[in-house]
Amino acid sequence: MRRADLRINVIGTSGAGKTTLAARLGERLSVPHVELDALHWGPDWTSRPDADFHGDLRAFVAADSWVLCGNYTNTRPVFTHRVNCFVWLDYPRWLVTWRVLRRSVGRAWTKRELWAGNRESFRLTFLSRDSIIWWSIKTHGKNRRKYRAMFEELAGRADVQAVRLRSPRDAERWLDEMVRSETAA
């Protein structure tokens, strides 16, 4: 792959670190990065209409190079045909749970804006049926099976580099190797 045509999709369960890795990758390779959550969420945690969400995603992936992170299954037909590097953060449940807990508490404490004016709160984090922490715990196994199938499907394509990272250390090593190989090219 050349930097001029890098099209990378980073997936993993909620809290794995998709956005962090994808943002660092985009920055170090000087390619645009977008988080599917940023395109999906409207004000007051309302989902944007699919036509708008998918339209914005289509416009983003029309570029020659990009890094995309997120797990919205209904968006796969919009961009999967353009992906040439698929990265799966396949971390254990305990690590993901710790990360999502730490991240959510930090976001609620600082009241940092996420997307479209939305912020995490202690009420949403701990007292809601829609808690991202609970969501991460209860969907980890199901999502892992789904991502394994996606990984196997894309790993079977000759035009896709499929990367499965099982720890943050693996992710750091891969990121360094990717940047090194792309800057040497």
N, C-alpha and C. Protein backbone atom coordinates (compact mmCIF):
# COMPACT_ATOMS: atom_id res chain seq x y z
N MET A 1 0.83 -1.19 0.00
CA MET A 1 0.00 0.00 0.00
C MET A 1 0.87 1.25 0.00
N ARG A 2 0.40 2.25 -0.67
CA ARG A 2 1.06 3.54 -0.63
C ARG A 2 0.21 4.47 0.22
N ARG A 3 0.84 5.44 0.84
CA ARG A 3 0.10 6.39 1.67
C ARG A 3 -1.00 7.07 0.86
N ALA A 4 -0.81 7.23 -0.42
CA ALA A 4 -1.80 7.90 -1.26
C ALA A 4 -3.08 7.09 -1.41
N ASP A 5 -3.03 5.82 -1.05
CA ASP A 5 -4.26 5.03 -1.18
C ASP A 5 -4.50 4.13 0.04
N LEU A 6 -4.18 4.63 1.21
CA LEU A 6 -4.47 3.91 2.45
C LEU A 6 -5.93 4.12 2.83
N ARG A 7 -6.67 3.04 2.97
CA ARG A 7 -8.07 3.13 3.39
C ARG A 7 -8.25 2.09 4.49
N ILE A 8 -8.18 2.57 5.72
CA ILE A 8 -8.09 1.70 6.89
C ILE A 8 -9.37 1.79 7.71
N ASN A 9 -9.87 0.63 8.12
CA ASN A 9 -11.02 0.55 9.02
C ASN A 9 -10.56 -0.14 10.31
N VAL A 10 -10.75 0.55 11.44
CA VAL A 10 -10.40 0.01 12.76
C VAL A 10 -11.70 -0.33 13.48
N ILE A 11 -11.82 -1.60 13.90
CA ILE A 11 -13.01 -2.03 14.64
C ILE A 11 -12.60 -2.67 15.96
N GLY A 12 -13.56 -2.85 16.83
CA GLY A 12 -13.37 -3.50 18.12
C GLY A 12 -14.58 -3.18 18.99
N THR A 13 -14.70 -3.87 20.10
CA THR A 13 -15.84 -3.63 20.97
C THR A 13 -15.74 -2.25 21.60
N SER A 14 -16.85 -1.76 22.12
CA SER A 14 -16.89 -0.44 22.76
C SER A 14 -15.86 -0.37 23.88
N GLY A 15 -14.98 0.62 23.80
CA GLY A 15 -13.98 0.81 24.82
C GLY A 15 -12.62 0.20 24.50
N ALA A 16 -12.50 -0.49 23.37
CA ALA A 16 -11.23 -1.15 23.04
C ALA A 16 -10.12 -0.14 22.74
N GLY A 17 -10.48 1.01 22.21
CA GLY A 17 -9.46 2.00 21.86
C GLY A 17 -9.40 2.28 20.37
N LYS A 18 -10.49 2.02 19.65
CA LYS A 18 -10.54 2.23 18.21
C LYS A 18 -10.21 3.67 17.83
N THR A 19 -10.88 4.60 18.47
CA THR A 19 -10.71 6.00 18.12
C THR A 19 -9.30 6.47 18.42
N THR A 20 -8.77 6.07 19.55
CA THR A 20 -7.41 6.46 19.91
C THR A 20 -6.41 5.96 18.89
N LEU A 21 -6.50 4.68 18.54
CA LEU A 21 -5.57 4.12 17.55
C LEU A 21 -5.77 4.76 16.18
N ALA A 22 -7.01 4.89 15.75
CA ALA A 22 -7.29 5.45 14.42
C ALA A 22 -6.83 6.91 14.33
N ALA A 23 -7.06 7.69 15.38
CA ALA A 23 -6.63 9.10 15.36
C ALA A 23 -5.11 9.19 15.31
N ARG A 24 -4.43 8.38 16.09
CA ARG A 24 -2.96 8.38 16.08
C ARG A 24 -2.43 7.94 14.71
N LEU A 25 -3.06 6.94 14.14
CA LEU A 25 -2.65 6.45 12.82
C LEU A 25 -2.84 7.54 11.77
N GLY A 26 -4.01 8.16 11.76
CA GLY A 26 -4.27 9.24 10.81
C GLY A 26 -3.29 10.38 10.96
N GLU A 27 -3.01 10.76 12.21
CA GLU A 27 -2.08 11.86 12.45
C GLU A 27 -0.66 11.50 11.99
N ARG A 28 -0.20 10.34 12.34
CA ARG A 28 1.18 9.95 12.01
C ARG A 28 1.37 9.69 10.52
N LEU A 29 0.31 9.31 9.83
CA LEU A 29 0.41 9.07 8.39
C LEU A 29 -0.09 10.25 7.56
N SER A 30 -0.58 11.28 8.24
CA SER A 30 -1.10 12.48 7.56
C SER A 30 -2.24 12.16 6.61
N VAL A 31 -3.17 11.33 7.10
CA VAL A 31 -4.39 11.03 6.33
C VAL A 31 -5.58 11.36 7.22
N PRO A 32 -6.71 11.73 6.63
CA PRO A 32 -7.89 12.10 7.44
C PRO A 32 -8.44 10.91 8.21
N HIS A 33 -8.99 11.22 9.38
CA HIS A 33 -9.59 10.22 10.26
C HIS A 33 -11.00 10.66 10.59
N VAL A 34 -11.93 9.71 10.63
CA VAL A 34 -13.27 10.00 11.10
C VAL A 34 -13.76 8.85 11.96
N GLU A 35 -14.54 9.22 12.95
CA GLU A 35 -15.15 8.29 13.88
C GLU A 35 -16.62 8.16 13.47
N LEU A 36 -17.09 6.93 13.27
CA LEU A 36 -18.48 6.76 12.87
C LEU A 36 -19.45 7.37 13.86
N ASP A 37 -19.13 7.34 15.15
CA ASP A 37 -20.00 7.97 16.14
C ASP A 37 -20.20 9.46 15.85
N ALA A 38 -19.15 10.12 15.39
CA ALA A 38 -19.25 11.55 15.09
C ALA A 38 -20.22 11.82 13.94
N LEU A 39 -20.31 10.88 13.01
CA LEU A 39 -21.24 11.02 11.90
C LEU A 39 -22.66 10.57 12.26
N HIS A 40 -22.76 9.64 13.21
CA HIS A 40 -24.04 9.04 13.56
C HIS A 40 -24.88 9.88 14.52
N TRP A 41 -24.24 10.45 15.55
CA TRP A 41 -25.00 11.11 16.61
C TRP A 41 -25.33 12.55 16.30
N GLY A 42 -26.59 12.89 16.51
CA GLY A 42 -27.04 14.27 16.45
C GLY A 42 -27.18 14.81 17.87
N PRO A 43 -27.68 16.03 18.02
CA PRO A 43 -27.87 16.60 19.36
C PRO A 43 -28.78 15.73 20.24
N ASP A 44 -28.55 15.82 21.53
CA ASP A 44 -29.34 15.09 22.53
C ASP A 44 -29.32 13.57 22.32
N TRP A 45 -28.18 13.06 21.85
CA TRP A 45 -28.00 11.62 21.65
C TRP A 45 -29.06 11.02 20.73
N THR A 46 -29.46 11.78 19.72
CA THR A 46 -30.40 11.24 18.74
C THR A 46 -29.61 10.75 17.52
N SER A 47 -30.03 9.63 17.00
CA SER A 47 -29.41 9.10 15.79
C SER A 47 -29.79 9.97 14.61
N ARG A 48 -28.81 10.32 13.79
CA ARG A 48 -29.13 11.05 12.58
C ARG A 48 -29.80 10.11 11.59
N PRO A 49 -30.65 10.63 10.72
CA PRO A 49 -31.27 9.77 9.70
C PRO A 49 -30.20 9.04 8.88
N ASP A 50 -30.47 7.78 8.56
CA ASP A 50 -29.49 6.99 7.80
C ASP A 50 -29.07 7.68 6.51
N ALA A 51 -30.00 8.34 5.83
CA ALA A 51 -29.64 9.01 4.57
C ALA A 51 -28.55 10.05 4.81
N ASP A 52 -28.65 10.82 5.88
CA ASP A 52 -27.64 11.83 6.19
C ASP A 52 -26.34 11.19 6.67
N PHE A 53 -26.47 10.24 7.60
CA PHE A 53 -25.32 9.52 8.15
C PHE A 53 -24.54 8.84 7.03
N HIS A 54 -25.22 8.06 6.21
CA HIS A 54 -24.56 7.34 5.12
C HIS A 54 -24.03 8.28 4.05
N GLY A 55 -24.75 9.36 3.81
CA GLY A 55 -24.28 10.35 2.82
C GLY A 55 -22.97 10.99 3.25
N ASP A 56 -22.88 11.37 4.53
CA ASP A 56 -21.63 11.95 5.04
C ASP A 56 -20.50 10.92 5.00
N LEU A 57 -20.82 9.68 5.32
CA LEU A 57 -19.81 8.62 5.28
C LEU A 57 -19.35 8.38 3.84
N ARG A 58 -20.29 8.33 2.90
CA ARG A 58 -19.95 8.15 1.48
C ARG A 58 -19.00 9.25 1.01
N ALA A 59 -19.28 10.48 1.40
CA ALA A 59 -18.41 11.60 1.01
C ALA A 59 -17.01 11.43 1.60
N PHE A 60 -16.92 10.99 2.84
CA PHE A 60 -15.61 10.80 3.48
C PHE A 60 -14.81 9.71 2.78
N VAL A 61 -15.43 8.56 2.52
CA VAL A 61 -14.68 7.43 1.95
C VAL A 61 -14.43 7.58 0.45
N ALA A 62 -14.94 8.64 -0.16
CA ALA A 62 -14.64 8.88 -1.57
C ALA A 62 -13.21 9.36 -1.75
N ALA A 63 -12.59 9.83 -0.68
CA ALA A 63 -11.19 10.30 -0.75
C ALA A 63 -10.25 9.13 -1.03
N ASP A 64 -9.06 9.46 -1.47
CA ASP A 64 -8.07 8.42 -1.78
C ASP A 64 -7.57 7.69 -0.55
N SER A 65 -7.39 8.42 0.56
CA SER A 65 -6.84 7.83 1.78
C SER A 65 -7.63 8.29 2.98
N TRP A 66 -7.78 7.39 3.96
CA TRP A 66 -8.50 7.73 5.19
C TRP A 66 -8.33 6.63 6.21
N VAL A 67 -8.66 7.00 7.45
CA VAL A 67 -8.76 6.04 8.55
C VAL A 67 -10.15 6.23 9.15
N LEU A 68 -10.87 5.15 9.27
CA LEU A 68 -12.24 5.15 9.75
C LEU A 68 -12.31 4.21 10.94
N CYS A 69 -13.01 4.63 12.00
CA CYS A 69 -13.19 3.71 13.13
C CYS A 69 -14.65 3.67 13.52
N GLY A 70 -15.09 2.47 13.85
CA GLY A 70 -16.47 2.30 14.30
C GLY A 70 -17.04 0.98 13.85
N ASN A 71 -18.22 0.68 14.40
CA ASN A 71 -18.80 -0.65 14.25
C ASN A 71 -20.27 -0.65 13.83
N TYR A 72 -20.70 0.28 13.06
CA TYR A 72 -22.10 0.29 12.65
C TYR A 72 -22.29 -0.68 11.48
N THR A 73 -22.91 -1.81 11.76
CA THR A 73 -23.07 -2.86 10.76
C THR A 73 -23.77 -2.35 9.51
N ASN A 74 -24.75 -1.49 9.67
CA ASN A 74 -25.51 -1.03 8.50
C ASN A 74 -24.70 -0.10 7.60
N THR A 75 -23.50 0.29 8.01
CA THR A 75 -22.67 1.14 7.16
C THR A 75 -21.68 0.33 6.31
N ARG A 76 -21.53 -0.94 6.60
CA ARG A 76 -20.54 -1.75 5.88
C ARG A 76 -20.67 -1.65 4.36
N PRO A 77 -21.88 -1.72 3.80
CA PRO A 77 -21.98 -1.63 2.33
C PRO A 77 -21.51 -0.27 1.78
N VAL A 78 -21.49 0.74 2.62
CA VAL A 78 -21.08 2.07 2.17
C VAL A 78 -19.57 2.14 1.94
N PHE A 79 -18.78 1.42 2.73
CA PHE A 79 -17.34 1.61 2.63
C PHE A 79 -16.48 0.35 2.52
N THR A 80 -17.01 -0.82 2.85
CA THR A 80 -16.16 -2.02 2.91
C THR A 80 -15.46 -2.31 1.59
N HIS A 81 -16.11 -2.04 0.48
CA HIS A 81 -15.49 -2.28 -0.83
C HIS A 81 -14.27 -1.40 -1.06
N ARG A 82 -14.13 -0.32 -0.27
CA ARG A 82 -13.00 0.60 -0.43
C ARG A 82 -11.85 0.30 0.55
N VAL A 83 -12.12 -0.49 1.58
CA VAL A 83 -11.11 -0.78 2.61
C VAL A 83 -9.98 -1.61 2.02
N ASN A 84 -8.74 -1.22 2.32
CA ASN A 84 -7.61 -2.08 1.94
C ASN A 84 -6.76 -2.48 3.16
N CYS A 85 -7.15 -2.01 4.33
CA CYS A 85 -6.51 -2.46 5.57
C CYS A 85 -7.59 -2.50 6.66
N PHE A 86 -7.77 -3.66 7.22
CA PHE A 86 -8.82 -3.89 8.21
C PHE A 86 -8.14 -4.27 9.51
N VAL A 87 -8.34 -3.47 10.56
CA VAL A 87 -7.66 -3.68 11.83
C VAL A 87 -8.71 -3.98 12.90
N TRP A 88 -8.56 -5.13 13.54
CA TRP A 88 -9.48 -5.57 14.58
C TRP A 88 -8.77 -5.55 15.92
N LEU A 89 -9.24 -4.70 16.84
CA LEU A 89 -8.73 -4.68 18.21
C LEU A 89 -9.49 -5.76 18.98
N ASP A 90 -8.92 -6.92 19.09
CA ASP A 90 -9.55 -8.08 19.70
C ASP A 90 -8.99 -8.26 21.11
N TYR A 91 -9.43 -7.40 22.02
CA TYR A 91 -8.90 -7.38 23.38
C TYR A 91 -9.82 -8.16 24.32
N PRO A 92 -9.25 -8.67 25.42
CA PRO A 92 -10.08 -9.40 26.38
C PRO A 92 -11.11 -8.51 27.07
N ARG A 93 -12.19 -9.14 27.50
CA ARG A 93 -13.30 -8.42 28.13
C ARG A 93 -12.83 -7.58 29.33
N TRP A 94 -11.97 -8.12 30.18
CA TRP A 94 -11.55 -7.40 31.38
C TRP A 94 -10.85 -6.09 31.00
N LEU A 95 -10.03 -6.12 29.95
CA LEU A 95 -9.30 -4.92 29.54
C LEU A 95 -10.25 -3.89 28.95
N VAL A 96 -11.15 -4.34 28.11
CA VAL A 96 -12.11 -3.43 27.49
C VAL A 96 -13.01 -2.81 28.55
N THR A 97 -13.45 -3.62 29.52
CA THR A 97 -14.31 -3.11 30.59
C THR A 97 -13.57 -2.04 31.39
N TRP A 98 -12.34 -2.30 31.74
CA TRP A 98 -11.54 -1.32 32.48
C TRP A 98 -11.40 -0.03 31.67
N ARG A 99 -11.09 -0.17 30.37
CA ARG A 99 -10.89 1.01 29.53
C ARG A 99 -12.17 1.83 29.38
N VAL A 100 -13.30 1.18 29.16
CA VAL A 100 -14.55 1.92 28.97
C VAL A 100 -14.97 2.58 30.28
N LEU A 101 -14.72 1.92 31.41
CA LEU A 101 -15.03 2.50 32.71
C LEU A 101 -14.17 3.75 32.95
N ARG A 102 -12.88 3.63 32.73
CA ARG A 102 -11.96 4.75 32.93
C ARG A 102 -12.30 5.91 31.99
N ARG A 103 -12.56 5.59 30.73
CA ARG A 103 -12.89 6.61 29.75
C ARG A 103 -14.19 7.33 30.10
N SER A 104 -15.22 6.56 30.47
CA SER A 104 -16.53 7.16 30.76
C SER A 104 -16.50 8.02 32.00
N VAL A 105 -15.82 7.56 33.03
CA VAL A 105 -15.71 8.38 34.24
C VAL A 105 -14.96 9.68 33.92
N GLY A 106 -13.89 9.56 33.15
CA GLY A 106 -13.13 10.76 32.77
C GLY A 106 -13.97 11.74 31.96
N ARG A 107 -14.73 11.23 31.02
CA ARG A 107 -15.58 12.09 30.20
C ARG A 107 -16.67 12.74 31.03
N ALA A 108 -17.28 11.97 31.93
CA ALA A 108 -18.34 12.53 32.78
C ALA A 108 -17.76 13.59 33.71
N TRP A 109 -16.59 13.35 34.24
CA TRP A 109 -15.95 14.28 35.18
C TRP A 109 -15.60 15.60 34.50
N THR A 110 -15.00 15.51 33.29
CA THR A 110 -14.56 16.72 32.60
C THR A 110 -15.66 17.38 31.78
N LYS A 111 -16.76 16.65 31.58
CA LYS A 111 -17.88 17.15 30.76
C LYS A 111 -17.44 17.53 29.35
N ARG A 112 -16.47 16.80 28.86
CA ARG A 112 -15.94 17.04 27.51
C ARG A 112 -17.01 16.74 26.45
N GLU A 113 -17.15 17.65 25.50
CA GLU A 113 -18.09 17.44 24.42
C GLU A 113 -17.57 16.34 23.50
N LEU A 114 -18.47 15.44 23.12
CA LEU A 114 -18.10 14.36 22.22
C LEU A 114 -18.50 14.72 20.79
N TRP A 115 -19.79 14.62 20.46
CA TRP A 115 -20.27 14.91 19.12
C TRP A 115 -21.58 15.65 19.24
N ALA A 116 -21.76 16.65 18.41
CA ALA A 116 -23.03 17.38 18.30
C ALA A 116 -23.52 17.91 19.65
N GLY A 117 -22.60 18.32 20.50
CA GLY A 117 -22.98 18.87 21.80
C GLY A 117 -23.22 17.82 22.87
N ASN A 118 -23.09 16.54 22.54
CA ASN A 118 -23.35 15.46 23.50
C ASN A 118 -22.18 15.28 24.45
N ARG A 119 -22.53 14.94 25.68
CA ARG A 119 -21.53 14.68 26.72
C ARG A 119 -21.97 13.45 27.50
N GLU A 120 -20.99 12.71 28.00
CA GLU A 120 -21.33 11.62 28.93
C GLU A 120 -21.55 12.25 30.30
N SER A 121 -22.41 11.62 31.09
CA SER A 121 -22.67 12.11 32.44
C SER A 121 -22.62 10.91 33.39
N PHE A 122 -22.50 11.20 34.67
CA PHE A 122 -22.50 10.10 35.64
C PHE A 122 -23.85 9.37 35.61
N ARG A 123 -24.93 10.12 35.40
CA ARG A 123 -26.25 9.50 35.32
C ARG A 123 -26.31 8.53 34.15
N LEU A 124 -25.88 8.97 32.95
CA LEU A 124 -25.89 8.09 31.78
C LEU A 124 -24.93 6.92 31.95
N THR A 125 -23.80 7.17 32.58
CA THR A 125 -22.77 6.15 32.72
C THR A 125 -23.15 5.07 33.71
N PHE A 126 -23.78 5.44 34.82
CA PHE A 126 -24.02 4.47 35.88
C PHE A 126 -25.49 4.16 36.17
N LEU A 127 -26.39 5.05 35.83
CA LEU A 127 -27.78 4.87 36.24
C LEU A 127 -28.75 4.68 35.08
N SER A 128 -28.25 4.43 33.92
CA SER A 128 -29.10 4.33 32.74
C SER A 128 -29.04 2.93 32.14
N ARG A 129 -30.17 2.50 31.58
CA ARG A 129 -30.17 1.25 30.82
C ARG A 129 -29.27 1.36 29.61
N ASP A 130 -29.01 2.58 29.15
CA ASP A 130 -28.19 2.83 27.97
C ASP A 130 -26.72 3.06 28.33
N SER A 131 -26.31 2.67 29.51
CA SER A 131 -24.93 2.85 29.95
C SER A 131 -23.96 2.21 28.96
N ILE A 132 -22.96 2.96 28.54
CA ILE A 132 -21.95 2.44 27.62
C ILE A 132 -21.14 1.33 28.30
N ILE A 133 -20.99 1.41 29.61
CA ILE A 133 -20.25 0.38 30.33
C ILE A 133 -21.02 -0.94 30.27
N TRP A 134 -22.31 -0.89 30.58
CA TRP A 134 -23.13 -2.09 30.52
C TRP A 134 -23.20 -2.61 29.09
N TRP A 135 -23.35 -1.70 28.13
CA TRP A 135 -23.39 -2.07 26.71
C TRP A 135 -22.12 -2.83 26.33
N SER A 136 -20.97 -2.32 26.72
CA SER A 136 -19.69 -2.95 26.39
C SER A 136 -19.60 -4.35 26.98
N ILE A 137 -20.02 -4.50 28.23
CA ILE A 137 -19.95 -5.81 28.90
C ILE A 137 -20.88 -6.81 28.22
N LYS A 138 -22.13 -6.41 28.00
CA LYS A 138 -23.11 -7.38 27.50
C LYS A 138 -22.95 -7.71 26.02
N THR A 139 -22.31 -6.85 25.23
CA THR A 139 -22.17 -7.12 23.80
C THR A 139 -20.79 -7.65 23.41
N HIS A 140 -19.87 -7.72 24.35
CA HIS A 140 -18.50 -8.13 24.03
C HIS A 140 -18.44 -9.47 23.29
N GLY A 141 -19.06 -10.51 23.84
CA GLY A 141 -19.01 -11.84 23.22
C GLY A 141 -19.67 -11.88 21.86
N LYS A 142 -20.87 -11.30 21.76
CA LYS A 142 -21.60 -11.29 20.50
C LYS A 142 -20.83 -10.52 19.43
N ASN A 143 -20.31 -9.36 19.82
CA ASN A 143 -19.55 -8.55 18.86
C ASN A 143 -18.26 -9.25 18.44
N ARG A 144 -17.63 -9.91 19.37
CA ARG A 144 -16.40 -10.62 19.04
C ARG A 144 -16.65 -11.68 17.97
N ARG A 145 -17.76 -12.41 18.09
CA ARG A 145 -18.10 -13.40 17.06
C ARG A 145 -18.38 -12.71 15.71
N LYS A 146 -19.09 -11.60 15.76
CA LYS A 146 -19.39 -10.86 14.53
C LYS A 146 -18.10 -10.34 13.88
N TYR A 147 -17.20 -9.79 14.69
CA TYR A 147 -15.96 -9.25 14.14
C TYR A 147 -15.05 -10.35 13.61
N ARG A 148 -15.09 -11.52 14.25
CA ARG A 148 -14.30 -12.65 13.74
C ARG A 148 -14.77 -13.01 12.34
N ALA A 149 -16.08 -13.06 12.13
CA ALA A 149 -16.62 -13.38 10.81
C ALA A 149 -16.22 -12.31 9.79
N MET A 150 -16.31 -11.03 10.18
CA MET A 150 -15.91 -9.94 9.29
C MET A 150 -14.43 -10.07 8.95
N PHE A 151 -13.63 -10.35 9.97
CA PHE A 151 -12.19 -10.47 9.79
C PHE A 151 -11.87 -11.60 8.79
N GLU A 152 -12.50 -12.75 8.98
CA GLU A 152 -12.26 -13.88 8.09
C GLU A 152 -12.69 -13.58 6.67
N GLU A 153 -13.81 -12.90 6.53
CA GLU A 153 -14.30 -12.52 5.19
C GLU A 153 -13.30 -11.59 4.50
N LEU A 154 -12.87 -10.55 5.21
CA LEU A 154 -11.95 -9.59 4.59
C LEU A 154 -10.55 -10.15 4.44
N ALA A 155 -10.13 -11.02 5.35
CA ALA A 155 -8.80 -11.63 5.24
C ALA A 155 -8.73 -12.52 3.99
N GLY A 156 -9.88 -12.95 3.51
CA GLY A 156 -9.91 -13.76 2.30
C GLY A 156 -9.77 -12.96 1.02
N ARG A 157 -9.84 -11.64 1.13
CA ARG A 157 -9.68 -10.79 -0.06
C ARG A 157 -8.21 -10.49 -0.30
N ALA A 158 -7.76 -10.69 -1.52
CA ALA A 158 -6.35 -10.46 -1.86
C ALA A 158 -5.97 -8.99 -1.75
N ASP A 159 -6.96 -8.09 -1.87
CA ASP A 159 -6.68 -6.66 -1.87
C ASP A 159 -6.76 -6.03 -0.48
N VAL A 160 -6.89 -6.86 0.57
CA VAL A 160 -7.04 -6.34 1.93
C VAL A 160 -5.97 -6.93 2.85
N GLN A 161 -5.32 -6.05 3.58
CA GLN A 161 -4.43 -6.48 4.67
C GLN A 161 -5.30 -6.57 5.92
N ALA A 162 -5.45 -7.77 6.48
CA ALA A 162 -6.26 -7.97 7.67
C ALA A 162 -5.33 -8.13 8.87
N VAL A 163 -5.55 -7.28 9.89
CA VAL A 163 -4.66 -7.24 11.06
C VAL A 163 -5.51 -7.47 12.31
N ARG A 164 -5.15 -8.48 13.09
CA ARG A 164 -5.85 -8.76 14.34
C ARG A 164 -4.88 -8.49 15.48
N LEU A 165 -5.22 -7.50 16.31
CA LEU A 165 -4.37 -7.09 17.42
C LEU A 165 -5.01 -7.53 18.72
N ARG A 166 -4.28 -8.27 19.54
CA ARG A 166 -4.86 -8.86 20.74
C ARG A 166 -4.47 -8.16 22.03
N SER A 167 -3.66 -7.12 21.93
CA SER A 167 -3.26 -6.38 23.13
C SER A 167 -2.83 -4.97 22.73
N PRO A 168 -2.83 -4.05 23.69
CA PRO A 168 -2.33 -2.71 23.40
C PRO A 168 -0.87 -2.73 22.94
N ARG A 169 -0.09 -3.64 23.48
CA ARG A 169 1.31 -3.76 23.05
C ARG A 169 1.39 -4.15 21.57
N ASP A 170 0.54 -5.10 21.15
CA ASP A 170 0.48 -5.47 19.73
C ASP A 170 0.10 -4.26 18.88
N ALA A 171 -0.86 -3.47 19.37
CA ALA A 171 -1.31 -2.29 18.63
C ALA A 171 -0.18 -1.27 18.48
N GLU A 172 0.57 -1.04 19.55
CA GLU A 172 1.69 -0.09 19.48
C GLU A 172 2.74 -0.57 18.49
N ARG A 173 3.06 -1.84 18.56
CA ARG A 173 4.06 -2.42 17.65
C ARG A 173 3.59 -2.29 16.20
N TRP A 174 2.31 -2.63 15.95
CA TRP A 174 1.79 -2.54 14.59
C TRP A 174 1.78 -1.10 14.10
N LEU A 175 1.35 -0.18 14.95
CA LEU A 175 1.32 1.23 14.57
C LEU A 175 2.71 1.71 14.18
N ASP A 176 3.71 1.39 14.98
CA ASP A 176 5.08 1.79 14.67
C ASP A 176 5.56 1.18 13.35
N GLU A 177 5.25 -0.11 13.14
CA GLU A 177 5.65 -0.77 11.89
C GLU A 177 4.95 -0.15 10.69
N MET A 178 3.67 0.14 10.83
CA MET A 178 2.90 0.72 9.74
C MET A 178 3.47 2.09 9.36
N VAL A 179 3.73 2.91 10.36
CA VAL A 179 4.27 4.25 10.09
C VAL A 179 5.65 4.13 9.46
N ARG A 180 6.47 3.25 10.00
CA ARG A 180 7.82 3.06 9.47
C ARG A 180 7.77 2.62 8.01
N SER A 181 6.91 1.64 7.69
CA SER A 181 6.85 1.15 6.31
C SER A 181 6.27 2.20 5.36
N GLU A 182 5.31 2.97 5.81
CA GLU A 182 4.71 3.99 4.95
C GLU A 182 5.63 5.19 4.74
N THR A 183 6.40 5.55 5.76
CA THR A 183 7.31 6.70 5.58
C THR A 183 8.54 6.30 4.76
N ALA A 184 8.86 5.00 4.74
CA ALA A 184 9.99 4.52 3.96
C ALA A 184 9.62 4.37 2.48
N ALA A 185 8.31 4.22 2.22
CA ALA A 185 7.85 3.97 0.84
C ALA A 185 7.98 5.20 -0.04
